[in-house]
N, C-alpha and C. Protein backbone atom coordinates (compact mmCIF):
# COMPACT_ATOMS: atom_id res chain seq x y z
N UNK A 1 -32.25 3.59 0.90
CA UNK A 1 -30.86 3.47 0.69
C UNK A 1 -30.45 4.41 -0.66
N UNK A 2 -29.74 5.43 -0.82
CA UNK A 2 -29.44 5.93 -1.57
C UNK A 2 -28.87 5.21 -2.89
N UNK A 3 -28.74 5.51 -3.96
CA UNK A 3 -28.44 5.08 -5.06
C UNK A 3 -26.65 4.88 -5.75
N UNK A 4 -26.13 4.10 -5.96
CA UNK A 4 -24.71 4.34 -5.98
C UNK A 4 -24.39 4.58 -7.88
N UNK A 5 -25.41 4.23 -8.97
CA UNK A 5 -25.30 4.74 -9.91
C UNK A 5 -25.59 6.06 -9.98
N UNK A 6 -25.67 6.72 -9.21
CA UNK A 6 -25.78 8.36 -9.14
C UNK A 6 -24.66 9.49 -8.99
N UNK A 7 -24.33 9.59 -9.81
CA UNK A 7 -23.03 10.66 -9.16
C UNK A 7 -23.19 11.61 -8.28
N UNK A 8 -24.08 11.96 -7.95
CA UNK A 8 -24.79 13.05 -7.16
C UNK A 8 -24.98 12.68 -5.70
N UNK A 9 -25.64 11.57 -5.57
CA UNK A 9 -25.54 10.80 -4.18
C UNK A 9 -24.59 10.18 -3.57
N UNK A 10 -23.19 10.11 -4.56
CA UNK A 10 -22.12 9.75 -3.60
C UNK A 10 -20.63 11.13 -3.34
N UNK A 11 -20.35 11.86 -2.46
CA UNK A 11 -19.60 12.75 -1.84
C UNK A 11 -18.26 12.12 -1.24
N UNK A 12 -17.06 12.79 -1.48
CA UNK A 12 -15.58 12.40 -0.60
C UNK A 12 -16.17 11.97 0.97
N UNK A 13 -15.92 11.23 1.77
CA UNK A 13 -15.48 11.31 2.70
C UNK A 13 -16.83 10.22 3.37
N UNK A 14 -17.42 9.61 2.52
CA UNK A 14 -19.09 9.24 3.27
C UNK A 14 -18.31 7.26 3.07
N UNK A 15 -19.22 7.16 3.79
CA UNK A 15 -19.27 5.48 4.05
C UNK A 15 -19.88 4.59 2.87
N UNK A 16 -19.28 4.06 2.15
CA UNK A 16 -19.61 3.13 1.14
C UNK A 16 -19.36 1.03 0.91
N UNK A 17 -20.23 0.59 0.50
CA UNK A 17 -19.71 -0.45 -0.17
C UNK A 17 -19.41 -0.69 -1.81
N UNK A 18 -17.97 -1.36 -1.94
CA UNK A 18 -17.37 -0.99 -3.52
C UNK A 18 -17.69 -2.53 -3.87
N UNK A 19 -17.62 -2.90 -5.04
CA UNK A 19 -17.27 -4.49 -5.76
C UNK A 19 -16.01 -3.77 -6.23
N UNK A 20 -14.88 -4.85 -6.04
CA UNK A 20 -13.50 -4.48 -6.62
C UNK A 20 -13.43 -5.39 -8.14
N UNK A 21 -12.94 -4.96 -9.00
CA UNK A 21 -12.46 -5.37 -9.89
C UNK A 21 -12.63 -7.13 -9.72
N UNK A 22 -11.48 -7.34 -9.18
CA UNK A 22 -11.52 -8.95 -9.20
C UNK A 22 -12.26 -9.49 -8.67
N UNK A 23 -13.62 -8.59 -7.86
CA UNK A 23 -14.93 -9.49 -7.17
C UNK A 23 -15.89 -9.79 -7.99
N UNK A 24 -15.77 -8.81 -9.24
CA UNK A 24 -16.95 -8.62 -9.73
C UNK A 24 -17.68 -9.50 -9.82
N UNK A 25 -17.22 -11.11 -10.29
CA UNK A 25 -18.21 -12.17 -10.48
C UNK A 25 -18.56 -12.71 -9.60
N UNK A 26 -18.22 -12.57 -8.22
CA UNK A 26 -17.96 -13.39 -7.03
C UNK A 26 -19.18 -12.49 -6.20
N UNK A 27 -18.95 -11.04 -6.78
CA UNK A 27 -20.05 -9.82 -6.17
C UNK A 27 -19.68 -9.20 -4.60
N UNK A 28 -18.20 -9.95 -3.78
CA UNK A 28 -17.77 -9.53 -2.86
C UNK A 28 -17.80 -7.99 -2.31
N UNK A 29 -18.24 -7.67 -1.30
CA UNK A 29 -18.04 -6.01 -1.13
C UNK A 29 -17.40 -5.51 0.02
N UNK A 30 -16.63 -4.49 -0.52
CA UNK A 30 -15.58 -3.79 0.05
C UNK A 30 -15.62 -2.79 0.61
N UNK A 31 -15.72 -2.78 2.43
CA UNK A 31 -16.12 -1.71 2.79
C UNK A 31 -15.73 -0.28 3.08
N UNK A 32 -15.51 0.75 2.51
CA UNK A 32 -14.50 2.18 3.04
C UNK A 32 -15.45 3.47 3.13
N UNK A 33 -14.41 4.41 2.91
CA UNK A 33 -14.92 5.91 2.69
C UNK A 33 -14.20 5.98 1.56
N UNK A 34 -15.32 7.06 0.95
CA UNK A 34 -14.88 7.59 0.15
C UNK A 34 -13.93 9.02 -0.33
N UNK A 35 -12.39 8.00 -1.09
CA UNK A 35 -11.44 9.55 -1.29
C UNK A 35 -11.43 9.99 -2.61
N UNK A 36 -12.13 9.58 -3.93
CA UNK A 36 -11.75 10.46 -4.77
C UNK A 36 -12.95 9.42 -5.65
N UNK A 37 -13.93 10.17 -6.71
CA UNK A 37 -14.85 10.18 -7.70
C UNK A 37 -14.16 9.85 -8.71
N UNK A 38 -14.48 8.61 -9.31
CA UNK A 38 -13.47 8.52 -10.88
C UNK A 38 -14.19 8.78 -11.88
N UNK A 39 -15.81 8.04 -11.49
CA UNK A 39 -16.48 8.61 -13.61
C UNK A 39 -16.59 9.71 -13.06
N UNK A 40 -16.34 10.31 -14.59
CA UNK A 40 -16.83 11.43 -14.83
C UNK A 40 -18.74 11.71 -15.31
N UNK A 41 -19.00 10.69 -15.72
CA UNK A 41 -20.56 11.06 -16.14
C UNK A 41 -21.49 10.86 -14.59
N UNK A 42 -22.89 11.35 -14.98
CA UNK A 42 -23.33 11.79 -13.66
C UNK A 42 -24.18 10.23 -13.81
N UNK A 43 -24.27 9.07 -14.26
CA UNK A 43 -24.56 7.98 -13.89
C UNK A 43 -24.39 6.86 -14.75
N UNK A 44 -24.21 5.57 -14.09
CA UNK A 44 -23.52 4.67 -14.39
C UNK A 44 -24.55 3.82 -14.22
N UNK A 45 -24.99 2.44 -15.28
CA UNK A 45 -25.54 1.34 -15.25
C UNK A 45 -24.65 0.63 -13.77
N UNK A 46 -23.80 0.08 -13.64
CA UNK A 46 -23.04 -0.39 -13.07
C UNK A 46 -22.66 0.06 -11.44
N UNK A 47 -22.54 1.31 -11.18
CA UNK A 47 -22.33 2.07 -10.05
C UNK A 47 -21.43 3.04 -10.54
N UNK A 48 -21.11 3.82 -9.75
CA UNK A 48 -19.57 4.87 -9.91
C UNK A 48 -19.12 4.38 -9.47
N UNK A 49 -17.67 5.02 -9.96
CA UNK A 49 -16.47 4.02 -9.62
C UNK A 49 -15.48 5.31 -8.47
N UNK A 50 -14.93 4.45 -7.58
CA UNK A 50 -14.49 6.02 -6.94
C UNK A 50 -13.03 4.90 -5.99
N UNK A 51 -12.75 5.80 -5.83
CA UNK A 51 -11.41 5.38 -4.71
C UNK A 51 -11.79 5.80 -3.54
N UNK A 52 -11.54 4.36 -2.68
CA UNK A 52 -11.49 4.55 -0.87
C UNK A 52 -10.43 5.17 -0.31
N UNK A 53 -10.55 5.69 0.86
CA UNK A 53 -8.85 6.52 1.35
C UNK A 53 -7.75 4.76 1.40
N UNK A 54 -8.40 3.82 1.57
CA UNK A 54 -7.43 2.48 1.57
C UNK A 54 -7.20 2.37 0.22
N UNK A 55 -7.12 3.54 -0.65
CA UNK A 55 -6.64 3.07 -2.02
C UNK A 55 -7.21 2.18 -3.34
N UNK A 56 -8.37 1.23 -2.58
CA UNK A 56 -8.76 0.73 -3.60
C UNK A 56 -9.62 1.31 -4.19
N UNK A 57 -10.03 0.91 -5.48
CA UNK A 57 -10.52 1.44 -6.90
C UNK A 57 -11.91 -0.06 -6.99
N UNK A 58 -13.10 0.39 -6.76
CA UNK A 58 -14.34 -0.08 -7.54
C UNK A 58 -15.65 0.73 -7.83
N UNK A 59 -16.72 -0.25 -7.91
CA UNK A 59 -18.03 0.63 -8.30
C UNK A 59 -19.15 0.41 -6.92
N UNK A 60 -19.40 1.56 -6.69
CA UNK A 60 -20.00 1.66 -5.54
C UNK A 60 -21.72 0.73 -5.73
N UNK A 61 -21.94 -0.20 -4.92
CA UNK A 61 -22.67 -0.83 -4.76
C UNK A 61 -24.06 -0.04 -3.35
N UNK A 62 -23.08 -0.17 -2.44
CA UNK A 62 -24.48 0.71 -1.05
C UNK A 62 -23.58 1.52 -0.88
N UNK A 63 -24.69 2.73 -0.28
CA UNK A 63 -24.14 3.92 0.60
C UNK A 63 -24.62 3.68 1.84
N UNK A 64 -24.30 4.06 2.76
CA UNK A 64 -24.61 3.64 4.33
C UNK A 64 -24.60 5.38 4.59
């Protein structure tokens, strides 16, 4: 499985699971399709921040 901490692994239109800001403590994942990549750096230890087609914003934990 691809690593959600590397920006190069994430493209617009991919299916991913993100953790929303309000779900960081519980670890609840939200599935969706990547609309925009918000993290500018090449990597981020907690996952690359993306906006889904549903307009939800969170950090990528899994890539499908």
